[in-house]
Every structure is written in structure tokens, then in C-alpha cells.
Amino acid sequence: MWSIMNALKDFTELHDAIEAELKKRLPLLDTVALYDPTDIAPGESFKIDTPAVLIEMVEAKPGRAVTGGRIPFNCEFALHCILSSKTPDLPLAVRNLAAMVALVVGYTEEDAEKNQITDFVVSGRQNWGLGDIGVESVPIDSINLYPGSFKPGKGGKEKAFGFDSMIVTFEQQIHLGNLLINPPTFLPGQVEIEGSDSVGVDGWT
């Protein structure tokens, strides 16, 4: 199968490949970037040029092991599809944007063209061009679309509902290898965690 010396290096390599494919296939997008809630200070906001897709990895569960020194993960990704509230027929427009993104997630450019012209492709082959280094194809039946709400600062008990965004989720099996051989270098820094009288993580600020 895959050699440990020819395996996916890290999650950065996968993110860059997803971002590049979305930009290539959907040139109408003004923003394709990493979803980074840590970049939002409390009480502050930032602007996003729309149409936009923000890429988030929701979780990584243990995957199907193929040994050889690789670490298998079954990852769940969420692509936040965002349109300005000034967009005409916003609820319908953002659903259509999410549908276009889902097509890219499910099918390669070649397979998408076959679907439109001649053959119906039952199984997708979308591995973001990384199939040779341990990224398996996205299962078509793992792709979901549902309404989201991109409102920084909302979360926990303070839920926010709306139709300013749609979220496309999907699962993908990956196998990390070179990460073990060439560990990344992290910048030194300091993190301050304050405690309170509350119990558990709710007591952290």
C-alpha cells in the first residue's frame, strides 16, 4: 500500500490540498481559509470577503489500521459556506453554494464532468490529489448539508441560529506517517490559564 517514507506528513498538508481544490474548482469564492475561532477576541469581530468557505476539522477518530508505522484517523471536516446578508434570496443562495461545495467534496473534476455528460459515477474518488500518500476517497454517503450560523462569540448555552451560512460535513480516512519521523518545530510561548471557584473547564478563562 503506502510506504512510511511516502505518507501524509501532517494535517497542514491535507488542509492546503483541500483549500487548493476548492479555489481551483470554485473560482467564484472570494475567501477559502482555515476556520480559526481562536483568532476572534472576546467582544470583537472581523470581516470576511464573501462568498467564503472556511475549513474546519471537527474531530479525528481512530481509523482502520494498515500498520507499517502509519497512524490511521477517520476525520470529520466541516466546510462553513458563508454569504453576505445582502445576497438576494439568501437562504436559497447559500444552499446552492453549499451544494456546489458538496459536489467538489464528493467528486473529482473528471468524475463531476462524467456525471453531467454521460456516465453516472456512483462512488467518488475525491482524495484531494493525495491518494498516493495515505488519503482515502471521501465516502459519498458521509456528506451532509445543514444550516449554520456564523456569528463569532456565540457558543455553549448562547446558541445562534440563522441562514447566513450552510455547513457541509464529510468524513475521510487518512494515514499519517512522516509526522513521526520529522516532528514539526513549535515556537516557544506561554499560555495563561486562570482558575475560578467553578468546577471543570467552565472555570477556565
N, C-alpha and C. Protein backbone atom coordinates (compact mmCIF):
# COMPACT_ATOMS: atom_id res chain seq x y z
N MET A 1 0.85 -1.19 0.00
CA MET A 1 0.00 0.00 0.00
C MET A 1 0.89 1.24 0.00
N TRP A 2 0.91 2.01 1.15
CA TRP A 2 1.74 3.21 1.20
C TRP A 2 3.01 2.93 2.01
N SER A 3 4.12 3.53 1.59
CA SER A 3 5.36 3.44 2.35
C SER A 3 5.37 4.52 3.42
N ILE A 4 5.98 4.20 4.58
CA ILE A 4 6.07 5.17 5.66
C ILE A 4 6.84 6.41 5.22
N MET A 5 7.74 6.24 4.23
CA MET A 5 8.51 7.37 3.74
C MET A 5 7.74 8.15 2.69
N ASN A 6 6.57 7.62 2.29
CA ASN A 6 5.76 8.30 1.29
C ASN A 6 4.33 8.39 1.81
N ALA A 7 4.19 9.04 2.96
CA ALA A 7 2.88 9.14 3.61
C ALA A 7 2.56 10.60 3.90
N LEU A 8 1.30 10.83 4.25
CA LEU A 8 0.86 12.18 4.59
C LEU A 8 1.67 12.71 5.76
N LYS A 9 2.24 13.91 5.61
CA LYS A 9 3.10 14.46 6.64
C LYS A 9 2.33 14.91 7.87
N ASP A 10 1.29 15.73 7.64
CA ASP A 10 0.55 16.31 8.76
C ASP A 10 -0.77 16.86 8.26
N PHE A 11 -1.56 17.44 9.18
CA PHE A 11 -2.86 17.98 8.81
C PHE A 11 -2.73 19.25 7.96
N THR A 12 -1.61 19.93 8.06
CA THR A 12 -1.39 21.13 7.24
C THR A 12 -1.37 20.77 5.76
N GLU A 13 -0.71 19.69 5.43
CA GLU A 13 -0.63 19.24 4.04
C GLU A 13 -2.02 18.93 3.50
N LEU A 14 -2.85 18.29 4.31
CA LEU A 14 -4.21 17.96 3.89
C LEU A 14 -5.05 19.23 3.73
N HIS A 15 -4.95 20.14 4.70
CA HIS A 15 -5.71 21.40 4.61
C HIS A 15 -5.34 22.16 3.34
N ASP A 16 -4.05 22.27 3.05
CA ASP A 16 -3.61 23.01 1.88
C ASP A 16 -4.17 22.41 0.59
N ALA A 17 -4.26 21.07 0.56
CA ALA A 17 -4.78 20.39 -0.64
C ALA A 17 -6.28 20.64 -0.80
N ILE A 18 -7.03 20.61 0.31
CA ILE A 18 -8.47 20.89 0.25
C ILE A 18 -8.71 22.33 -0.20
N GLU A 19 -7.96 23.25 0.37
CA GLU A 19 -8.08 24.67 0.03
C GLU A 19 -7.78 24.90 -1.46
N ALA A 20 -6.72 24.27 -1.95
CA ALA A 20 -6.34 24.45 -3.35
C ALA A 20 -7.40 23.92 -4.30
N GLU A 21 -8.00 22.78 -3.96
CA GLU A 21 -9.03 22.19 -4.81
C GLU A 21 -10.28 23.06 -4.86
N LEU A 22 -10.68 23.59 -3.71
CA LEU A 22 -11.86 24.46 -3.67
C LEU A 22 -11.63 25.74 -4.49
N LYS A 23 -10.45 26.33 -4.37
CA LYS A 23 -10.13 27.54 -5.12
C LYS A 23 -10.12 27.27 -6.62
N LYS A 24 -9.59 26.13 -6.99
CA LYS A 24 -9.49 25.78 -8.41
C LYS A 24 -10.86 25.52 -9.02
N ARG A 25 -11.68 24.75 -8.32
CA ARG A 25 -12.97 24.31 -8.86
C ARG A 25 -14.07 25.36 -8.72
N LEU A 26 -13.94 26.24 -7.72
CA LEU A 26 -14.97 27.25 -7.46
C LEU A 26 -14.33 28.63 -7.45
N PRO A 27 -13.95 29.15 -8.61
CA PRO A 27 -13.30 30.46 -8.67
C PRO A 27 -14.20 31.61 -8.21
N LEU A 28 -15.50 31.36 -8.06
CA LEU A 28 -16.41 32.40 -7.57
C LEU A 28 -16.16 32.73 -6.10
N LEU A 29 -15.44 31.87 -5.39
CA LEU A 29 -15.18 32.10 -3.97
C LEU A 29 -14.16 33.21 -3.79
N ASP A 30 -14.49 34.18 -2.95
CA ASP A 30 -13.55 35.25 -2.63
C ASP A 30 -12.63 34.88 -1.47
N THR A 31 -13.10 33.97 -0.61
CA THR A 31 -12.30 33.54 0.54
C THR A 31 -12.38 32.04 0.70
N VAL A 32 -11.23 31.38 0.78
CA VAL A 32 -11.14 29.97 1.18
C VAL A 32 -10.02 29.93 2.21
N ALA A 33 -10.35 29.63 3.45
CA ALA A 33 -9.35 29.76 4.51
C ALA A 33 -9.64 28.80 5.65
N LEU A 34 -8.72 28.77 6.59
CA LEU A 34 -8.85 27.95 7.78
C LEU A 34 -9.88 28.56 8.73
N TYR A 35 -10.76 27.73 9.24
CA TYR A 35 -11.70 28.17 10.28
C TYR A 35 -10.92 28.20 11.59
N ASP A 36 -10.76 29.39 12.16
CA ASP A 36 -9.92 29.54 13.35
C ASP A 36 -10.63 30.39 14.39
N PRO A 37 -11.46 29.77 15.25
CA PRO A 37 -12.18 30.55 16.27
C PRO A 37 -11.26 31.18 17.30
N THR A 38 -10.01 30.70 17.42
CA THR A 38 -9.09 31.29 18.39
C THR A 38 -8.61 32.66 17.94
N ASP A 39 -8.89 33.00 16.67
CA ASP A 39 -8.44 34.28 16.13
C ASP A 39 -9.43 35.41 16.42
N ILE A 40 -10.51 35.08 17.15
CA ILE A 40 -11.54 36.06 17.47
C ILE A 40 -11.45 36.43 18.95
N ALA A 41 -11.09 37.66 19.23
CA ALA A 41 -11.02 38.12 20.61
C ALA A 41 -12.43 38.33 21.16
N PRO A 42 -12.64 38.10 22.46
CA PRO A 42 -13.96 38.30 23.05
C PRO A 42 -14.49 39.70 22.80
N GLY A 43 -15.72 39.77 22.31
CA GLY A 43 -16.35 41.07 22.06
C GLY A 43 -15.94 41.72 20.76
N GLU A 44 -15.03 41.09 20.01
CA GLU A 44 -14.58 41.66 18.75
C GLU A 44 -15.11 40.86 17.56
N SER A 45 -14.91 41.38 16.38
CA SER A 45 -15.36 40.71 15.17
C SER A 45 -14.35 40.96 14.06
N PHE A 46 -14.52 40.31 12.95
CA PHE A 46 -13.67 40.55 11.80
C PHE A 46 -14.49 40.37 10.54
N LYS A 47 -13.98 40.86 9.42
CA LYS A 47 -14.71 40.82 8.17
C LYS A 47 -14.20 39.69 7.28
N ILE A 48 -15.12 39.10 6.53
CA ILE A 48 -14.78 38.04 5.60
C ILE A 48 -15.33 38.43 4.23
N ASP A 49 -14.50 38.38 3.21
CA ASP A 49 -14.97 38.63 1.86
C ASP A 49 -15.75 37.40 1.39
N THR A 50 -16.99 37.63 0.97
CA THR A 50 -17.84 36.53 0.54
C THR A 50 -18.06 36.58 -0.97
N PRO A 51 -18.40 35.43 -1.56
CA PRO A 51 -18.65 34.11 -0.99
C PRO A 51 -17.40 33.55 -0.32
N ALA A 52 -17.61 32.81 0.77
CA ALA A 52 -16.48 32.29 1.54
C ALA A 52 -16.73 30.86 1.97
N VAL A 53 -15.65 30.10 2.08
CA VAL A 53 -15.68 28.76 2.67
C VAL A 53 -14.55 28.68 3.68
N LEU A 54 -14.89 28.36 4.93
CA LEU A 54 -13.90 28.20 5.98
C LEU A 54 -13.81 26.71 6.33
N ILE A 55 -12.59 26.21 6.38
CA ILE A 55 -12.35 24.77 6.54
C ILE A 55 -12.05 24.45 7.99
N GLU A 56 -12.84 23.54 8.57
CA GLU A 56 -12.66 23.15 9.97
C GLU A 56 -12.55 21.63 10.07
N MET A 57 -11.61 21.15 10.86
CA MET A 57 -11.58 19.73 11.20
C MET A 57 -12.27 19.58 12.55
N VAL A 58 -13.41 18.89 12.56
CA VAL A 58 -14.22 18.77 13.76
C VAL A 58 -13.64 17.76 14.74
N GLU A 59 -13.24 16.61 14.23
CA GLU A 59 -12.64 15.59 15.10
C GLU A 59 -11.91 14.56 14.26
N ALA A 60 -11.09 13.77 14.92
CA ALA A 60 -10.38 12.67 14.27
C ALA A 60 -10.47 11.45 15.18
N LYS A 61 -11.22 10.45 14.74
CA LYS A 61 -11.39 9.22 15.50
C LYS A 61 -10.40 8.17 15.02
N PRO A 62 -10.19 7.13 15.81
CA PRO A 62 -9.32 6.05 15.35
C PRO A 62 -9.83 5.48 14.03
N GLY A 63 -8.91 5.30 13.09
CA GLY A 63 -9.28 4.78 11.78
C GLY A 63 -8.91 3.33 11.61
N ARG A 64 -9.02 2.85 10.39
CA ARG A 64 -8.71 1.45 10.07
C ARG A 64 -7.21 1.31 9.90
N ALA A 65 -6.59 0.56 10.75
CA ALA A 65 -5.13 0.43 10.73
C ALA A 65 -4.67 -0.39 9.54
N VAL A 66 -3.57 0.04 8.92
CA VAL A 66 -2.95 -0.73 7.85
C VAL A 66 -1.49 -1.01 8.20
N THR A 67 -1.13 -0.78 9.47
CA THR A 67 0.21 -0.99 10.02
C THR A 67 1.26 -0.23 9.21
N GLY A 68 2.51 -0.70 9.30
CA GLY A 68 3.58 -0.03 8.57
C GLY A 68 4.04 1.27 9.20
N GLY A 69 3.63 1.55 10.44
CA GLY A 69 4.11 2.75 11.11
C GLY A 69 3.23 3.96 10.95
N ARG A 70 2.15 3.86 10.16
CA ARG A 70 1.25 4.99 9.98
C ARG A 70 0.19 5.01 11.08
N ILE A 71 -0.31 6.21 11.38
CA ILE A 71 -1.38 6.36 12.35
C ILE A 71 -2.67 6.65 11.59
N PRO A 72 -3.68 5.77 11.69
CA PRO A 72 -4.91 5.98 10.92
C PRO A 72 -5.93 6.82 11.69
N PHE A 73 -6.55 7.75 10.98
CA PHE A 73 -7.62 8.55 11.56
C PHE A 73 -8.80 8.61 10.60
N ASN A 74 -9.99 8.53 11.17
CA ASN A 74 -11.20 8.81 10.40
C ASN A 74 -11.63 10.22 10.80
N CYS A 75 -11.38 11.17 9.91
CA CYS A 75 -11.58 12.59 10.22
C CYS A 75 -12.94 13.09 9.77
N GLU A 76 -13.50 14.00 10.54
CA GLU A 76 -14.72 14.69 10.13
C GLU A 76 -14.38 16.16 9.91
N PHE A 77 -14.73 16.64 8.73
CA PHE A 77 -14.48 18.03 8.38
C PHE A 77 -15.80 18.78 8.23
N ALA A 78 -15.77 20.07 8.50
CA ALA A 78 -16.92 20.94 8.30
C ALA A 78 -16.47 22.13 7.46
N LEU A 79 -17.15 22.34 6.35
CA LEU A 79 -16.85 23.48 5.48
C LEU A 79 -17.98 24.50 5.66
N HIS A 80 -17.65 25.65 6.24
CA HIS A 80 -18.62 26.69 6.51
C HIS A 80 -18.78 27.56 5.27
N CYS A 81 -19.94 27.48 4.62
CA CYS A 81 -20.21 28.23 3.40
C CYS A 81 -20.97 29.49 3.78
N ILE A 82 -20.37 30.65 3.52
CA ILE A 82 -20.89 31.91 4.05
C ILE A 82 -21.17 32.90 2.92
N LEU A 83 -22.36 33.54 3.01
CA LEU A 83 -22.73 34.60 2.08
C LEU A 83 -23.15 35.83 2.86
N SER A 84 -22.97 36.98 2.25
CA SER A 84 -23.38 38.24 2.86
C SER A 84 -24.91 38.28 2.98
N SER A 85 -25.37 38.94 4.02
CA SER A 85 -26.82 39.10 4.21
C SER A 85 -27.44 39.96 3.12
N LYS A 86 -26.61 40.64 2.33
CA LYS A 86 -27.11 41.46 1.22
C LYS A 86 -27.42 40.61 -0.01
N THR A 87 -27.07 39.33 0.03
CA THR A 87 -27.30 38.45 -1.10
C THR A 87 -28.79 38.25 -1.34
N PRO A 88 -29.27 38.46 -2.57
CA PRO A 88 -30.69 38.21 -2.86
C PRO A 88 -31.06 36.75 -2.60
N ASP A 89 -32.26 36.55 -2.06
CA ASP A 89 -32.74 35.19 -1.77
C ASP A 89 -31.69 34.41 -0.99
N LEU A 90 -31.21 35.00 0.09
CA LEU A 90 -30.09 34.45 0.85
C LEU A 90 -30.25 32.98 1.23
N PRO A 91 -31.37 32.56 1.81
CA PRO A 91 -31.48 31.14 2.20
C PRO A 91 -31.27 30.18 1.03
N LEU A 92 -31.84 30.52 -0.13
CA LEU A 92 -31.67 29.66 -1.30
C LEU A 92 -30.26 29.76 -1.86
N ALA A 93 -29.72 30.96 -1.88
CA ALA A 93 -28.38 31.18 -2.44
C ALA A 93 -27.33 30.41 -1.65
N VAL A 94 -27.43 30.45 -0.33
CA VAL A 94 -26.41 29.78 0.47
C VAL A 94 -26.55 28.26 0.39
N ARG A 95 -27.76 27.78 0.19
CA ARG A 95 -27.94 26.34 -0.02
C ARG A 95 -27.30 25.92 -1.33
N ASN A 96 -27.47 26.75 -2.36
CA ASN A 96 -26.88 26.43 -3.66
C ASN A 96 -25.36 26.46 -3.60
N LEU A 97 -24.81 27.41 -2.84
CA LEU A 97 -23.36 27.44 -2.65
C LEU A 97 -22.88 26.17 -1.97
N ALA A 98 -23.59 25.75 -0.93
CA ALA A 98 -23.22 24.52 -0.22
C ALA A 98 -23.30 23.30 -1.13
N ALA A 99 -24.28 23.28 -2.02
CA ALA A 99 -24.41 22.16 -2.95
C ALA A 99 -23.21 22.10 -3.90
N MET A 100 -22.74 23.26 -4.36
CA MET A 100 -21.55 23.30 -5.21
C MET A 100 -20.32 22.80 -4.46
N VAL A 101 -20.19 23.21 -3.21
CA VAL A 101 -19.06 22.77 -2.39
C VAL A 101 -19.15 21.26 -2.17
N ALA A 102 -20.35 20.75 -1.92
CA ALA A 102 -20.53 19.31 -1.70
C ALA A 102 -20.12 18.51 -2.93
N LEU A 103 -20.40 19.06 -4.12
CA LEU A 103 -20.00 18.37 -5.35
C LEU A 103 -18.49 18.25 -5.44
N VAL A 104 -17.77 19.30 -5.05
CA VAL A 104 -16.31 19.26 -5.05
C VAL A 104 -15.81 18.24 -4.03
N VAL A 105 -16.46 18.20 -2.87
CA VAL A 105 -16.07 17.26 -1.81
C VAL A 105 -16.26 15.82 -2.27
N GLY A 106 -17.34 15.56 -2.99
CA GLY A 106 -17.66 14.19 -3.36
C GLY A 106 -16.96 13.68 -4.60
N TYR A 107 -16.71 14.56 -5.56
CA TYR A 107 -16.20 14.11 -6.84
C TYR A 107 -14.99 14.91 -7.32
N THR A 108 -14.10 14.23 -7.99
CA THR A 108 -13.01 14.93 -8.67
C THR A 108 -13.60 15.70 -9.85
N GLU A 109 -12.81 16.55 -10.43
CA GLU A 109 -13.28 17.33 -11.58
C GLU A 109 -13.68 16.41 -12.73
N GLU A 110 -12.91 15.36 -12.93
CA GLU A 110 -13.19 14.40 -14.01
C GLU A 110 -14.50 13.67 -13.76
N ASP A 111 -14.71 13.22 -12.53
CA ASP A 111 -15.93 12.48 -12.22
C ASP A 111 -17.16 13.39 -12.29
N ALA A 112 -17.02 14.64 -11.86
CA ALA A 112 -18.14 15.58 -11.91
C ALA A 112 -18.56 15.81 -13.36
N GLU A 113 -17.60 15.88 -14.28
CA GLU A 113 -17.93 16.07 -15.69
C GLU A 113 -18.64 14.84 -16.25
N LYS A 114 -18.23 13.65 -15.82
CA LYS A 114 -18.91 12.43 -16.27
C LYS A 114 -20.35 12.41 -15.80
N ASN A 115 -20.57 12.85 -14.57
CA ASN A 115 -21.93 12.87 -14.04
C ASN A 115 -22.83 13.76 -14.89
N GLN A 116 -22.28 14.86 -15.38
CA GLN A 116 -23.08 15.82 -16.13
C GLN A 116 -23.31 15.38 -17.58
N ILE A 117 -22.38 14.64 -18.13
CA ILE A 117 -22.44 14.37 -19.57
C ILE A 117 -22.93 12.95 -19.89
N THR A 118 -22.27 11.95 -19.34
CA THR A 118 -22.60 10.59 -19.78
C THR A 118 -22.89 9.66 -18.60
N ASP A 119 -21.84 9.09 -18.06
CA ASP A 119 -21.99 8.06 -17.04
C ASP A 119 -22.36 8.66 -15.70
N PHE A 120 -23.04 7.86 -14.89
CA PHE A 120 -23.32 8.26 -13.52
C PHE A 120 -22.31 7.57 -12.62
N VAL A 121 -21.50 8.37 -11.93
CA VAL A 121 -20.45 7.82 -11.07
C VAL A 121 -21.02 7.58 -9.68
N VAL A 122 -21.13 6.34 -9.29
CA VAL A 122 -21.74 6.01 -8.00
C VAL A 122 -20.81 6.35 -6.85
N SER A 123 -19.56 5.98 -6.96
CA SER A 123 -18.62 6.23 -5.87
C SER A 123 -17.65 7.33 -6.26
N GLY A 124 -17.40 8.24 -5.34
CA GLY A 124 -16.48 9.33 -5.61
C GLY A 124 -15.04 8.91 -5.45
N ARG A 125 -14.15 9.75 -5.93
CA ARG A 125 -12.71 9.46 -5.82
C ARG A 125 -11.96 10.67 -5.28
N GLN A 126 -12.66 11.51 -4.51
CA GLN A 126 -12.04 12.74 -4.04
C GLN A 126 -11.08 12.46 -2.89
N ASN A 127 -9.79 12.54 -3.19
CA ASN A 127 -8.76 12.40 -2.16
C ASN A 127 -7.82 13.60 -2.17
N TRP A 128 -8.25 14.68 -2.85
CA TRP A 128 -7.52 15.95 -2.89
C TRP A 128 -6.14 15.80 -3.52
N GLY A 129 -5.99 14.77 -4.38
CA GLY A 129 -4.71 14.55 -5.03
C GLY A 129 -3.66 13.91 -4.14
N LEU A 130 -4.09 13.39 -2.99
CA LEU A 130 -3.15 12.82 -2.02
C LEU A 130 -3.35 11.33 -1.83
N GLY A 131 -3.95 10.68 -2.80
CA GLY A 131 -4.23 9.25 -2.68
C GLY A 131 -2.98 8.40 -2.53
N ASP A 132 -1.89 8.83 -3.15
CA ASP A 132 -0.65 8.04 -3.10
C ASP A 132 0.06 8.14 -1.76
N ILE A 133 -0.36 9.08 -0.92
CA ILE A 133 0.33 9.23 0.37
C ILE A 133 -0.61 9.04 1.56
N GLY A 134 -1.67 8.26 1.36
CA GLY A 134 -2.45 7.83 2.52
C GLY A 134 -3.76 8.54 2.77
N VAL A 135 -4.28 9.28 1.79
CA VAL A 135 -5.59 9.91 1.96
C VAL A 135 -6.60 9.14 1.11
N GLU A 136 -7.58 8.52 1.76
CA GLU A 136 -8.57 7.74 1.04
C GLU A 136 -9.68 8.65 0.51
N SER A 137 -10.47 8.14 -0.43
CA SER A 137 -11.54 8.92 -1.04
C SER A 137 -12.65 9.20 -0.04
N VAL A 138 -13.31 10.35 -0.20
CA VAL A 138 -14.44 10.71 0.65
C VAL A 138 -15.63 9.81 0.31
N PRO A 139 -16.19 9.09 1.28
CA PRO A 139 -17.40 8.31 1.01
C PRO A 139 -18.56 9.25 0.70
N ILE A 140 -19.23 9.03 -0.42
CA ILE A 140 -20.33 9.91 -0.82
C ILE A 140 -21.40 9.98 0.25
N ASP A 141 -21.68 8.85 0.90
CA ASP A 141 -22.77 8.84 1.89
C ASP A 141 -22.38 9.46 3.22
N SER A 142 -21.16 10.02 3.32
CA SER A 142 -20.76 10.72 4.55
C SER A 142 -20.97 12.22 4.43
N ILE A 143 -21.37 12.70 3.25
CA ILE A 143 -21.52 14.14 3.02
C ILE A 143 -22.89 14.61 3.50
N ASN A 144 -22.90 15.64 4.33
CA ASN A 144 -24.14 16.21 4.86
C ASN A 144 -24.15 17.72 4.67
N LEU A 145 -25.34 18.28 4.52
CA LEU A 145 -25.53 19.72 4.47
C LEU A 145 -26.55 20.10 5.53
N TYR A 146 -26.26 21.15 6.29
CA TYR A 146 -27.26 21.64 7.23
C TYR A 146 -27.03 23.12 7.52
N PRO A 147 -28.09 23.81 7.95
CA PRO A 147 -27.96 25.26 8.20
C PRO A 147 -26.97 25.53 9.32
N GLY A 148 -26.21 26.59 9.15
CA GLY A 148 -25.28 27.01 10.18
C GLY A 148 -25.52 28.46 10.51
N SER A 149 -24.71 28.98 11.39
CA SER A 149 -24.81 30.39 11.71
C SER A 149 -23.43 30.87 12.08
N PHE A 150 -22.85 31.72 11.26
CA PHE A 150 -21.50 32.20 11.52
C PHE A 150 -21.59 33.51 12.27
N LYS A 151 -21.61 33.41 13.57
CA LYS A 151 -21.67 34.60 14.42
C LYS A 151 -20.63 34.45 15.52
N PRO A 152 -19.44 35.02 15.33
CA PRO A 152 -18.36 34.87 16.31
C PRO A 152 -18.81 35.26 17.70
N GLY A 153 -18.34 34.49 18.68
CA GLY A 153 -18.65 34.80 20.07
C GLY A 153 -19.82 34.02 20.60
N LYS A 154 -20.63 33.43 19.70
CA LYS A 154 -21.76 32.64 20.14
C LYS A 154 -21.30 31.21 20.36
N GLY A 155 -21.85 30.58 21.35
CA GLY A 155 -21.48 29.20 21.61
C GLY A 155 -21.94 28.77 22.98
N GLY A 156 -21.81 27.48 23.25
CA GLY A 156 -22.24 26.97 24.54
C GLY A 156 -23.73 27.14 24.72
N LYS A 157 -24.15 27.78 25.80
CA LYS A 157 -25.56 27.99 26.07
C LYS A 157 -26.13 29.13 25.22
N GLU A 158 -25.24 29.96 24.67
CA GLU A 158 -25.68 31.11 23.88
C GLU A 158 -25.69 30.72 22.40
N LYS A 159 -26.71 29.96 22.03
CA LYS A 159 -26.78 29.45 20.67
C LYS A 159 -27.27 30.53 19.70
N ALA A 160 -26.79 30.44 18.47
CA ALA A 160 -27.21 31.39 17.45
C ALA A 160 -27.70 30.61 16.24
N PHE A 161 -28.89 30.91 15.78
CA PHE A 161 -29.44 30.22 14.63
C PHE A 161 -29.62 31.21 13.48
N GLY A 162 -29.50 30.76 12.28
CA GLY A 162 -29.69 31.65 11.15
C GLY A 162 -29.38 30.96 9.85
N PHE A 163 -29.53 31.67 8.77
CA PHE A 163 -29.29 31.10 7.46
C PHE A 163 -28.25 31.90 6.70
N ASP A 164 -27.34 32.54 7.44
CA ASP A 164 -26.26 33.25 6.78
C ASP A 164 -25.16 32.29 6.35
N SER A 165 -25.27 31.04 6.76
CA SER A 165 -24.28 30.05 6.32
C SER A 165 -24.92 28.67 6.26
N MET A 166 -24.30 27.82 5.48
CA MET A 166 -24.62 26.40 5.45
C MET A 166 -23.32 25.66 5.71
N ILE A 167 -23.42 24.51 6.34
CA ILE A 167 -22.24 23.73 6.66
C ILE A 167 -22.27 22.41 5.89
N VAL A 168 -21.18 22.14 5.21
CA VAL A 168 -21.01 20.86 4.51
C VAL A 168 -20.05 20.01 5.34
N THR A 169 -20.51 18.87 5.82
CA THR A 169 -19.65 18.00 6.59
C THR A 169 -19.36 16.72 5.81
N PHE A 170 -18.20 16.15 6.06
CA PHE A 170 -17.85 14.88 5.41
C PHE A 170 -16.78 14.17 6.23
N GLU A 171 -16.65 12.87 5.99
CA GLU A 171 -15.63 12.07 6.67
C GLU A 171 -14.58 11.63 5.66
N GLN A 172 -13.37 11.45 6.17
CA GLN A 172 -12.28 11.00 5.30
C GLN A 172 -11.25 10.24 6.12
N GLN A 173 -10.87 9.08 5.61
CA GLN A 173 -9.86 8.26 6.27
C GLN A 173 -8.48 8.69 5.79
N ILE A 174 -7.58 8.96 6.75
CA ILE A 174 -6.21 9.35 6.40
C ILE A 174 -5.23 8.50 7.18
N HIS A 175 -3.98 8.50 6.73
CA HIS A 175 -2.92 7.73 7.38
C HIS A 175 -1.69 8.61 7.50
N LEU A 176 -1.37 9.02 8.71
CA LEU A 176 -0.20 9.88 8.94
C LEU A 176 1.05 9.04 9.11
N GLY A 177 2.15 9.47 8.48
CA GLY A 177 3.37 8.70 8.58
C GLY A 177 4.59 9.51 8.93
N ASN A 178 4.98 10.43 8.04
CA ASN A 178 6.23 11.17 8.22
C ASN A 178 6.24 12.05 9.45
N LEU A 179 5.07 12.31 10.02
CA LEU A 179 4.99 13.14 11.22
C LEU A 179 5.84 12.53 12.34
N LEU A 180 5.90 11.20 12.38
CA LEU A 180 6.67 10.52 13.42
C LEU A 180 8.17 10.64 13.18
N ILE A 181 8.56 10.72 11.92
CA ILE A 181 9.98 10.75 11.59
C ILE A 181 10.53 12.17 11.63
N ASN A 182 9.73 13.12 11.15
CA ASN A 182 10.16 14.52 11.11
C ASN A 182 9.19 15.37 11.92
N PRO A 183 9.32 15.37 13.24
CA PRO A 183 8.37 16.13 14.06
C PRO A 183 8.46 17.62 13.77
N PRO A 184 7.32 18.32 13.78
CA PRO A 184 7.33 19.76 13.49
C PRO A 184 7.98 20.54 14.61
N THR A 185 8.48 21.72 14.27
CA THR A 185 9.06 22.62 15.26
C THR A 185 8.00 23.61 15.70
N PHE A 186 7.78 23.72 17.00
CA PHE A 186 6.79 24.66 17.53
C PHE A 186 7.50 25.83 18.18
N LEU A 187 6.95 27.03 17.97
CA LEU A 187 7.53 28.22 18.57
C LEU A 187 7.29 28.21 20.07
N PRO A 188 8.30 28.59 20.86
CA PRO A 188 8.09 28.65 22.31
C PRO A 188 7.13 29.77 22.66
N GLY A 189 6.39 29.60 23.70
CA GLY A 189 5.43 30.62 24.10
C GLY A 189 4.91 30.33 25.49
N GLN A 190 3.99 31.14 25.93
CA GLN A 190 3.43 30.97 27.26
C GLN A 190 1.92 31.15 27.19
N VAL A 191 1.20 30.26 27.84
CA VAL A 191 -0.26 30.32 27.88
C VAL A 191 -0.68 30.49 29.32
N GLU A 192 -1.56 31.44 29.56
CA GLU A 192 -2.05 31.68 30.91
C GLU A 192 -3.46 31.13 31.06
N ILE A 193 -3.66 30.27 32.04
CA ILE A 193 -4.97 29.69 32.32
C ILE A 193 -5.38 30.11 33.71
N GLU A 194 -6.47 30.88 33.80
CA GLU A 194 -6.92 31.36 35.09
C GLU A 194 -7.95 30.40 35.69
N GLY A 195 -7.88 30.24 36.96
CA GLY A 195 -8.84 29.40 37.65
C GLY A 195 -9.91 30.24 38.32
N SER A 196 -11.00 29.59 38.70
CA SER A 196 -12.07 30.26 39.43
C SER A 196 -12.68 29.28 40.41
N ASP A 197 -13.75 29.70 41.06
CA ASP A 197 -14.40 28.82 42.01
C ASP A 197 -15.23 27.74 41.33
N SER A 198 -15.44 27.89 40.00
CA SER A 198 -16.23 26.90 39.28
C SER A 198 -15.43 25.62 39.12
N VAL A 199 -16.15 24.53 38.91
CA VAL A 199 -15.52 23.21 38.75
C VAL A 199 -15.51 22.86 37.27
N GLY A 200 -14.41 22.29 36.79
CA GLY A 200 -14.31 21.86 35.41
C GLY A 200 -13.82 22.95 34.49
N VAL A 201 -13.90 22.68 33.18
CA VAL A 201 -13.35 23.62 32.19
C VAL A 201 -14.12 24.93 32.18
N ASP A 202 -15.34 24.95 32.66
CA ASP A 202 -16.10 26.20 32.70
C ASP A 202 -15.44 27.22 33.62
N GLY A 203 -14.56 26.74 34.47
CA GLY A 203 -13.89 27.63 35.39
C GLY A 203 -12.64 28.27 34.79
N TRP A 204 -12.27 27.85 33.55
CA TRP A 204 -11.10 28.41 32.90
C TRP A 204 -11.51 29.64 32.11
N THR A 205 -10.59 30.61 31.99
CA THR A 205 -10.84 31.80 31.17
C THR A 205 -9.61 32.08 30.33
